[in-house]
Amino acid sequence: MMASKTKAIMQVHLDQRNNGGIGEDLLEYAETLSEALGMDTVKIHQEMQNGDLSHLIATFNKYFSDYIELLDTDQAIDL
């Protein structure tokens, strides 16, 4: 049996006009998800905060894109 990739189970719309809020929101989502999935929350948080907002979003996608699809208005955010 081959494994198949499923769509993300949740979509999050980000307000690009509020960059500080985006980072805080994504860190909160990451904490909740990583704890629920048994991931290393501290490691993920440190990695997310080790750069600018683009890095934070890319790191979030690295760990959680199977569960949450980040959207900016009408399109997915792929960094």
PDB file of N, CA and C in Angstrom:
ATOM      1  N   MET A   1       0.841  -1.181   0.000  1.00  0.00           N
ATOM      2  CA  MET A   1       0.000   0.000   0.000  1.00  0.00           C
ATOM      3  C   MET A   1       0.885   1.243   0.000  1.00  0.00           C
ATOM      4  N   MET A   2       0.653   2.144  -0.921  1.00  0.00           N
ATOM      5  CA  MET A   2       1.439   3.373  -1.008  1.00  0.00           C
ATOM      6  C   MET A   2       0.824   4.454  -0.134  1.00  0.00           C
ATOM      7  N   ALA A   3       1.676   5.199   0.516  1.00  0.00           N
ATOM      8  CA  ALA A   3       1.197   6.331   1.314  1.00  0.00           C
ATOM      9  C   ALA A   3       0.857   7.476   0.376  1.00  0.00           C
ATOM     10  N   SER A   4      -0.203   8.169   0.687  1.00  0.00           N
ATOM     11  CA  SER A   4      -0.576   9.320  -0.141  1.00  0.00           C
ATOM     12  C   SER A   4      -0.568  10.582   0.697  1.00  0.00           C
ATOM     13  N   LYS A   5      -0.171  11.663   0.090  1.00  0.00           N
ATOM     14  CA  LYS A   5      -0.138  12.953   0.779  1.00  0.00           C
ATOM     15  C   LYS A   5      -1.535  13.554   0.732  1.00  0.00           C
ATOM     16  N   THR A   6      -2.035  13.928   1.884  1.00  0.00           N
ATOM     17  CA  THR A   6      -3.358  14.534   1.958  1.00  0.00           C
ATOM     18  C   THR A   6      -3.231  16.040   2.066  1.00  0.00           C
ATOM     19  N   LYS A   7      -4.322  16.725   1.787  1.00  0.00           N
ATOM     20  CA  LYS A   7      -4.341  18.184   1.921  1.00  0.00           C
ATOM     21  C   LYS A   7      -4.263  18.558   3.394  1.00  0.00           C
ATOM     22  N   ALA A   8      -3.782  19.745   3.643  1.00  0.00           N
ATOM     23  CA  ALA A   8      -3.752  20.276   5.001  1.00  0.00           C
ATOM     24  C   ALA A   8      -5.171  20.270   5.561  1.00  0.00           C
ATOM     25  N   ILE A   9      -5.291  20.066   6.862  1.00  0.00           N
ATOM     26  CA  ILE A   9      -6.613  19.972   7.466  1.00  0.00           C
ATOM     27  C   ILE A   9      -7.178  21.321   7.894  1.00  0.00           C
ATOM     28  N   MET A  10      -6.376  22.359   7.823  1.00  0.00           N
ATOM     29  CA  MET A  10      -6.825  23.681   8.239  1.00  0.00           C
ATOM     30  C   MET A  10      -6.112  24.738   7.404  1.00  0.00           C
ATOM     31  N   GLN A  11      -6.821  25.797   7.088  1.00  0.00           N
ATOM     32  CA  GLN A  11      -6.209  26.919   6.384  1.00  0.00           C
ATOM     33  C   GLN A  11      -6.226  28.129   7.306  1.00  0.00           C
ATOM     34  N   VAL A  12      -5.119  28.858   7.341  1.00  0.00           N
ATOM     35  CA  VAL A  12      -5.005  30.059   8.163  1.00  0.00           C
ATOM     36  C   VAL A  12      -4.741  31.237   7.241  1.00  0.00           C
ATOM     37  N   HIS A  13      -5.591  32.241   7.317  1.00  0.00           N
ATOM     38  CA  HIS A  13      -5.418  33.463   6.525  1.00  0.00           C
ATOM     39  C   HIS A  13      -4.601  34.459   7.340  1.00  0.00           C
ATOM     40  N   LEU A  14      -3.492  34.923   6.772  1.00  0.00           N
ATOM     41  CA  LEU A  14      -2.599  35.852   7.456  1.00  0.00           C
ATOM     42  C   LEU A  14      -2.813  37.263   6.939  1.00  0.00           C
ATOM     43  N   ASP A  15      -2.844  38.221   7.849  1.00  0.00           N
ATOM     44  CA  ASP A  15      -2.971  39.634   7.494  1.00  0.00           C
ATOM     45  C   ASP A  15      -1.570  40.203   7.350  1.00  0.00           C
ATOM     46  N   GLN A  16      -1.103  40.368   6.118  1.00  0.00           N
ATOM     47  CA  GLN A  16       0.261  40.827   5.857  1.00  0.00           C
ATOM     48  C   GLN A  16       0.521  42.246   6.356  1.00  0.00           C
ATOM     49  N   ARG A  17      -0.524  42.978   6.711  1.00  0.00           N
ATOM     50  CA  ARG A  17      -0.340  44.341   7.228  1.00  0.00           C
ATOM     51  C   ARG A  17       0.077  44.336   8.693  1.00  0.00           C
ATOM     52  N   ASN A  18       0.004  43.185   9.341  1.00  0.00           N
ATOM     53  CA  ASN A  18       0.308  43.078  10.765  1.00  0.00           C
ATOM     54  C   ASN A  18       1.415  42.048  10.968  1.00  0.00           C
ATOM     55  N   ASN A  19       2.629  42.375  10.534  1.00  0.00           N
ATOM     56  CA  ASN A  19       3.741  41.423  10.591  1.00  0.00           C
ATOM     57  C   ASN A  19       4.044  40.915  11.992  1.00  0.00           C
ATOM     58  N   GLY A  20       3.997  41.781  12.993  1.00  0.00           N
ATOM     59  CA  GLY A  20       4.260  41.350  14.361  1.00  0.00           C
ATOM     60  C   GLY A  20       3.231  40.345  14.831  1.00  0.00           C
ATOM     61  N   GLY A  21       1.995  40.587  14.488  1.00  0.00           N
ATOM     62  CA  GLY A  21       0.920  39.678  14.861  1.00  0.00           C
ATOM     63  C   GLY A  21       1.047  38.327  14.191  1.00  0.00           C
ATOM     64  N   ILE A  22       1.516  38.324  12.955  1.00  0.00           N
ATOM     65  CA  ILE A  22       1.691  37.065  12.232  1.00  0.00           C
ATOM     66  C   ILE A  22       2.695  36.179  12.961  1.00  0.00           C
ATOM     67  N   GLY A  23       3.827  36.750  13.319  1.00  0.00           N
ATOM     68  CA  GLY A  23       4.852  35.978  14.014  1.00  0.00           C
ATOM     69  C   GLY A  23       4.348  35.405  15.323  1.00  0.00           C
ATOM     70  N   GLU A  24       3.674  36.238  16.104  1.00  0.00           N
ATOM     71  CA  GLU A  24       3.132  35.777  17.387  1.00  0.00           C
ATOM     72  C   GLU A  24       2.106  34.676  17.180  1.00  0.00           C
ATOM     73  N   ASP A  25       1.226  34.863  16.203  1.00  0.00           N
ATOM     74  CA  ASP A  25       0.199  33.853  15.927  1.00  0.00           C
ATOM     75  C   ASP A  25       0.825  32.529  15.507  1.00  0.00           C
ATOM     76  N   LEU A  26       1.808  32.588  14.620  1.00  0.00           N
ATOM     77  CA  LEU A  26       2.435  31.354  14.148  1.00  0.00           C
ATOM     78  C   LEU A  26       3.199  30.649  15.261  1.00  0.00           C
ATOM     79  N   LEU A  27       3.825  31.410  16.145  1.00  0.00           N
ATOM     80  CA  LEU A  27       4.511  30.792  17.279  1.00  0.00           C
ATOM     81  C   LEU A  27       3.510  30.090  18.199  1.00  0.00           C
ATOM     82  N   GLU A  28       2.343  30.688  18.387  1.00  0.00           N
ATOM     83  CA  GLU A  28       1.305  30.051  19.209  1.00  0.00           C
ATOM     84  C   GLU A  28       0.785  28.779  18.541  1.00  0.00           C
ATOM     85  N   TYR A  29       0.514  28.853  17.229  1.00  0.00           N
ATOM     86  CA  TYR A  29       0.082  27.653  16.502  1.00  0.00           C
ATOM     87  C   TYR A  29       1.150  26.567  16.599  1.00  0.00           C
ATOM     88  N   ALA A  30       2.404  26.948  16.420  1.00  0.00           N
ATOM     89  CA  ALA A  30       3.500  25.983  16.465  1.00  0.00           C
ATOM     90  C   ALA A  30       3.581  25.313  17.827  1.00  0.00           C
ATOM     91  N   GLU A  31       3.404  26.091  18.880  1.00  0.00           N
ATOM     92  CA  GLU A  31       3.451  25.516  20.228  1.00  0.00           C
ATOM     93  C   GLU A  31       2.336  24.496  20.417  1.00  0.00           C
ATOM     94  N   THR A  32       1.128  24.876  20.053  1.00  0.00           N
ATOM     95  CA  THR A  32      -0.018  23.981  20.210  1.00  0.00           C
ATOM     96  C   THR A  32       0.153  22.706  19.387  1.00  0.00           C
ATOM     97  N   LEU A  33       0.521  22.873  18.120  1.00  0.00           N
ATOM     98  CA  LEU A  33       0.674  21.713  17.239  1.00  0.00           C
ATOM     99  C   LEU A  33       1.828  20.813  17.658  1.00  0.00           C
ATOM    100  N   SER A  34       2.967  21.409  17.970  1.00  0.00           N
ATOM    101  CA  SER A  34       4.129  20.587  18.317  1.00  0.00           C
ATOM    102  C   SER A  34       3.872  19.782  19.584  1.00  0.00           C
ATOM    103  N   GLU A  35       3.193  20.385  20.555  1.00  0.00           N
ATOM    104  CA  GLU A  35       2.857  19.640  21.772  1.00  0.00           C
ATOM    105  C   GLU A  35       1.888  18.504  21.455  1.00  0.00           C
ATOM    106  N   ALA A  36       0.873  18.784  20.641  1.00  0.00           N
ATOM    107  CA  ALA A  36      -0.119  17.767  20.289  1.00  0.00           C
ATOM    108  C   ALA A  36       0.493  16.626  19.479  1.00  0.00           C
ATOM    109  N   LEU A  37       1.504  16.941  18.673  1.00  0.00           N
ATOM    110  CA  LEU A  37       2.128  15.945  17.804  1.00  0.00           C
ATOM    111  C   LEU A  37       3.362  15.296  18.422  1.00  0.00           C
ATOM    112  N   GLY A  38       3.711  15.695  19.644  1.00  0.00           N
ATOM    113  CA  GLY A  38       4.862  15.113  20.322  1.00  0.00           C
ATOM    114  C   GLY A  38       6.199  15.568  19.769  1.00  0.00           C
ATOM    115  N   MET A  39       6.223  16.752  19.180  1.00  0.00           N
ATOM    116  CA  MET A  39       7.463  17.308  18.630  1.00  0.00           C
ATOM    117  C   MET A  39       8.200  18.107  19.702  1.00  0.00           C
ATOM    118  N   ASP A  40       9.446  18.440  19.427  1.00  0.00           N
ATOM    119  CA  ASP A  40      10.266  19.238  20.342  1.00  0.00           C
ATOM    120  C   ASP A  40       9.901  20.719  20.195  1.00  0.00           C
ATOM    121  N   THR A  41       9.006  21.186  21.049  1.00  0.00           N
ATOM    122  CA  THR A  41       8.479  22.549  20.969  1.00  0.00           C
ATOM    123  C   THR A  41       9.573  23.600  21.097  1.00  0.00           C
ATOM    124  N   VAL A  42      10.481  23.423  22.032  1.00  0.00           N
ATOM    125  CA  VAL A  42      11.549  24.405  22.256  1.00  0.00           C
ATOM    126  C   VAL A  42      12.436  24.512  21.022  1.00  0.00           C
ATOM    127  N   LYS A  43      12.826  23.378  20.461  1.00  0.00           N
ATOM    128  CA  LYS A  43      13.681  23.373  19.263  1.00  0.00           C
ATOM    129  C   LYS A  43      12.995  24.090  18.102  1.00  0.00           C
ATOM    130  N   ILE A  44      11.722  23.798  17.889  1.00  0.00           N
ATOM    131  CA  ILE A  44      10.987  24.408  16.782  1.00  0.00           C
ATOM    132  C   ILE A  44      10.858  25.910  16.994  1.00  0.00           C
ATOM    133  N   HIS A  45      10.527  26.332  18.212  1.00  0.00           N
ATOM    134  CA  HIS A  45      10.409  27.766  18.514  1.00  0.00           C
ATOM    135  C   HIS A  45      11.734  28.484  18.279  1.00  0.00           C
ATOM    136  N   GLN A  46      12.825  27.885  18.740  1.00  0.00           N
ATOM    137  CA  GLN A  46      14.135  28.506  18.549  1.00  0.00           C
ATOM    138  C   GLN A  46      14.466  28.625  17.068  1.00  0.00           C
ATOM    139  N   GLU A  47      14.185  27.581  16.315  1.00  0.00           N
ATOM    140  CA  GLU A  47      14.464  27.611  14.878  1.00  0.00           C
ATOM    141  C   GLU A  47      13.611  28.663  14.176  1.00  0.00           C
ATOM    142  N   MET A  48      12.343  28.771  14.567  1.00  0.00           N
ATOM    143  CA  MET A  48      11.450  29.754  13.949  1.00  0.00           C
ATOM    144  C   MET A  48      11.920  31.179  14.215  1.00  0.00           C
ATOM    145  N   GLN A  49      12.471  31.418  15.403  1.00  0.00           N
ATOM    146  CA  GLN A  49      12.869  32.766  15.801  1.00  0.00           C
ATOM    147  C   GLN A  49      14.297  33.120  15.397  1.00  0.00           C
ATOM    148  N   ASN A  50      14.959  32.230  14.690  1.00  0.00           N
ATOM    149  CA  ASN A  50      16.350  32.437  14.301  1.00  0.00           C
ATOM    150  C   ASN A  50      16.461  33.118  12.937  1.00  0.00           C
ATOM    151  N   GLY A  51      15.646  34.151  12.707  1.00  0.00           N
ATOM    152  CA  GLY A  51      15.671  34.862  11.431  1.00  0.00           C
ATOM    153  C   GLY A  51      14.530  35.857  11.351  1.00  0.00           C
ATOM    154  N   ASP A  52      14.239  36.296  10.136  1.00  0.00           N
ATOM    155  CA  ASP A  52      13.176  37.278   9.925  1.00  0.00           C
ATOM    156  C   ASP A  52      11.820  36.577   9.759  1.00  0.00           C
ATOM    157  N   LEU A  53      10.797  37.360   9.412  1.00  0.00           N
ATOM    158  CA  LEU A  53       9.451  36.809   9.267  1.00  0.00           C
ATOM    159  C   LEU A  53       9.391  35.749   8.170  1.00  0.00           C
ATOM    160  N   SER A  54      10.099  35.960   7.079  1.00  0.00           N
ATOM    161  CA  SER A  54      10.118  34.962   6.000  1.00  0.00           C
ATOM    162  C   SER A  54      10.679  33.636   6.495  1.00  0.00           C
ATOM    163  N   HIS A  55      11.731  33.710   7.297  1.00  0.00           N
ATOM    164  CA  HIS A  55      12.323  32.497   7.871  1.00  0.00           C
ATOM    165  C   HIS A  55      11.337  31.823   8.819  1.00  0.00           C
ATOM    166  N   LEU A  56      10.649  32.615   9.622  1.00  0.00           N
ATOM    167  CA  LEU A  56       9.677  32.074  10.566  1.00  0.00           C
ATOM    168  C   LEU A  56       8.578  31.314   9.812  1.00  0.00           C
ATOM    169  N   ILE A  57       8.062  31.914   8.741  1.00  0.00           N
ATOM    170  CA  ILE A  57       7.010  31.278   7.943  1.00  0.00           C
ATOM    171  C   ILE A  57       7.534  30.004   7.279  1.00  0.00           C
ATOM    172  N   ALA A  58       8.734  30.068   6.716  1.00  0.00           N
ATOM    173  CA  ALA A  58       9.319  28.894   6.057  1.00  0.00           C
ATOM    174  C   ALA A  58       9.517  27.753   7.051  1.00  0.00           C
ATOM    175  N   THR A  59       9.967  28.083   8.247  1.00  0.00           N
ATOM    176  CA  THR A  59      10.177  27.060   9.272  1.00  0.00           C
ATOM    177  C   THR A  59       8.848  26.470   9.715  1.00  0.00           C
ATOM    178  N   PHE A  60       7.836  27.322   9.889  1.00  0.00           N
ATOM    179  CA  PHE A  60       6.503  26.835  10.237  1.00  0.00           C
ATOM    180  C   PHE A  60       6.024  25.849   9.172  1.00  0.00           C
ATOM    181  N   ASN A  61       6.173  26.223   7.907  1.00  0.00           N
ATOM    182  CA  ASN A  61       5.756  25.341   6.813  1.00  0.00           C
ATOM    183  C   ASN A  61       6.539  24.032   6.813  1.00  0.00           C
ATOM    184  N   LYS A  62       7.810  24.099   7.147  1.00  0.00           N
ATOM    185  CA  LYS A  62       8.658  22.906   7.181  1.00  0.00           C
ATOM    186  C   LYS A  62       8.079  21.852   8.130  1.00  0.00           C
ATOM    187  N   TYR A  63       7.610  22.297   9.274  1.00  0.00           N
ATOM    188  CA  TYR A  63       7.115  21.374  10.284  1.00  0.00           C
ATOM    189  C   TYR A  63       5.615  21.085  10.189  1.00  0.00           C
ATOM    190  N   PHE A  64       4.829  22.047   9.740  1.00  0.00           N
ATOM    191  CA  PHE A  64       3.382  21.917   9.900  1.00  0.00           C
ATOM    192  C   PHE A  64       2.561  22.014   8.617  1.00  0.00           C
ATOM    193  N   SER A  65       3.198  22.047   7.453  1.00  0.00           N
ATOM    194  CA  SER A  65       2.438  22.215   6.206  1.00  0.00           C
ATOM    195  C   SER A  65       1.498  21.043   5.921  1.00  0.00           C
ATOM    196  N   ASP A  66       1.735  19.892   6.524  1.00  0.00           N
ATOM    197  CA  ASP A  66       0.809  18.768   6.362  1.00  0.00           C
ATOM    198  C   ASP A  66      -0.488  18.996   7.126  1.00  0.00           C
ATOM    199  N   TYR A  67      -0.471  19.925   8.066  1.00  0.00           N
ATOM    200  CA  TYR A  67      -1.621  20.154   8.940  1.00  0.00           C
ATOM    201  C   TYR A  67      -2.285  21.507   8.718  1.00  0.00           C
ATOM    202  N   ILE A  68      -1.484  22.519   8.407  1.00  0.00           N
ATOM    203  CA  ILE A  68      -2.011  23.877   8.231  1.00  0.00           C
ATOM    204  C   ILE A  68      -1.448  24.472   6.950  1.00  0.00           C
ATOM    205  N   GLU A  69      -2.328  25.025   6.147  1.00  0.00           N
ATOM    206  CA  GLU A  69      -1.923  25.743   4.940  1.00  0.00           C
ATOM    207  C   GLU A  69      -2.042  27.235   5.228  1.00  0.00           C
ATOM    208  N   LEU A  70      -0.938  27.954   5.111  1.00  0.00           N
ATOM    209  CA  LEU A  70      -0.938  29.395   5.347  1.00  0.00           C
ATOM    210  C   LEU A  70      -1.353  30.116   4.077  1.00  0.00           C
ATOM    211  N   LEU A  71      -2.283  31.037   4.212  1.00  0.00           N
ATOM    212  CA  LEU A  71      -2.794  31.776   3.064  1.00  0.00           C
ATOM    213  C   LEU A  71      -2.661  33.269   3.286  1.00  0.00           C
ATOM    214  N   ASP A  72      -2.373  33.982   2.211  1.00  0.00           N
ATOM    215  CA  ASP A  72      -2.388  35.445   2.200  1.00  0.00           C
ATOM    216  C   ASP A  72      -3.494  35.839   1.242  1.00  0.00           C
ATOM    217  N   THR A  73      -4.583  36.289   1.760  1.00  0.00           N
ATOM    218  CA  THR A  73      -5.802  36.590   0.997  1.00  0.00           C
ATOM    219  C   THR A  73      -6.227  35.364   0.203  1.00  0.00           C
ATOM    220  N   ASP A  74      -5.936  35.302  -1.100  1.00  0.00           N
ATOM    221  CA  ASP A  74      -6.453  34.216  -1.934  1.00  0.00           C
ATOM    222  C   ASP A  74      -5.430  33.152  -2.305  1.00  0.00           C
ATOM    223  N   GLN A  75      -4.212  33.252  -1.805  1.00  0.00           N
ATOM    224  CA  GLN A  75      -3.202  32.312  -2.274  1.00  0.00           C
ATOM    225  C   GLN A  75      -2.364  31.762  -1.133  1.00  0.00           C
ATOM    226  N   ALA A  76      -1.798  30.585  -1.360  1.00  0.00           N
ATOM    227  CA  ALA A  76      -0.942  29.956  -0.369  1.00  0.00           C
ATOM    228  C   ALA A  76       0.380  30.699  -0.289  1.00  0.00           C
ATOM    229  N   ILE A  77       0.956  30.718   0.908  1.00  0.00           N
ATOM    230  CA  ILE A  77       2.259  31.341   1.119  1.00  0.00           C
ATOM    231  C   ILE A  77       3.300  30.231   1.076  1.00  0.00           C
ATOM    232  N   ASP A  78       4.150  30.259   0.078  1.00  0.00           N
ATOM    233  CA  ASP A  78       5.221  29.276  -0.066  1.00  0.00           C
ATOM    234  C   ASP A  78       6.546  29.998  -0.011  1.00  0.00           C
ATOM    235  N   LEU A  79       7.271  29.794   1.054  1.00  0.00           N
ATOM    236  CA  LEU A  79       8.600  30.399   1.186  1.00  0.00           C
ATOM    237  C   LEU A  79       9.625  29.309   1.303  1.00  0.00           C
TER     238      LEU A  79
END
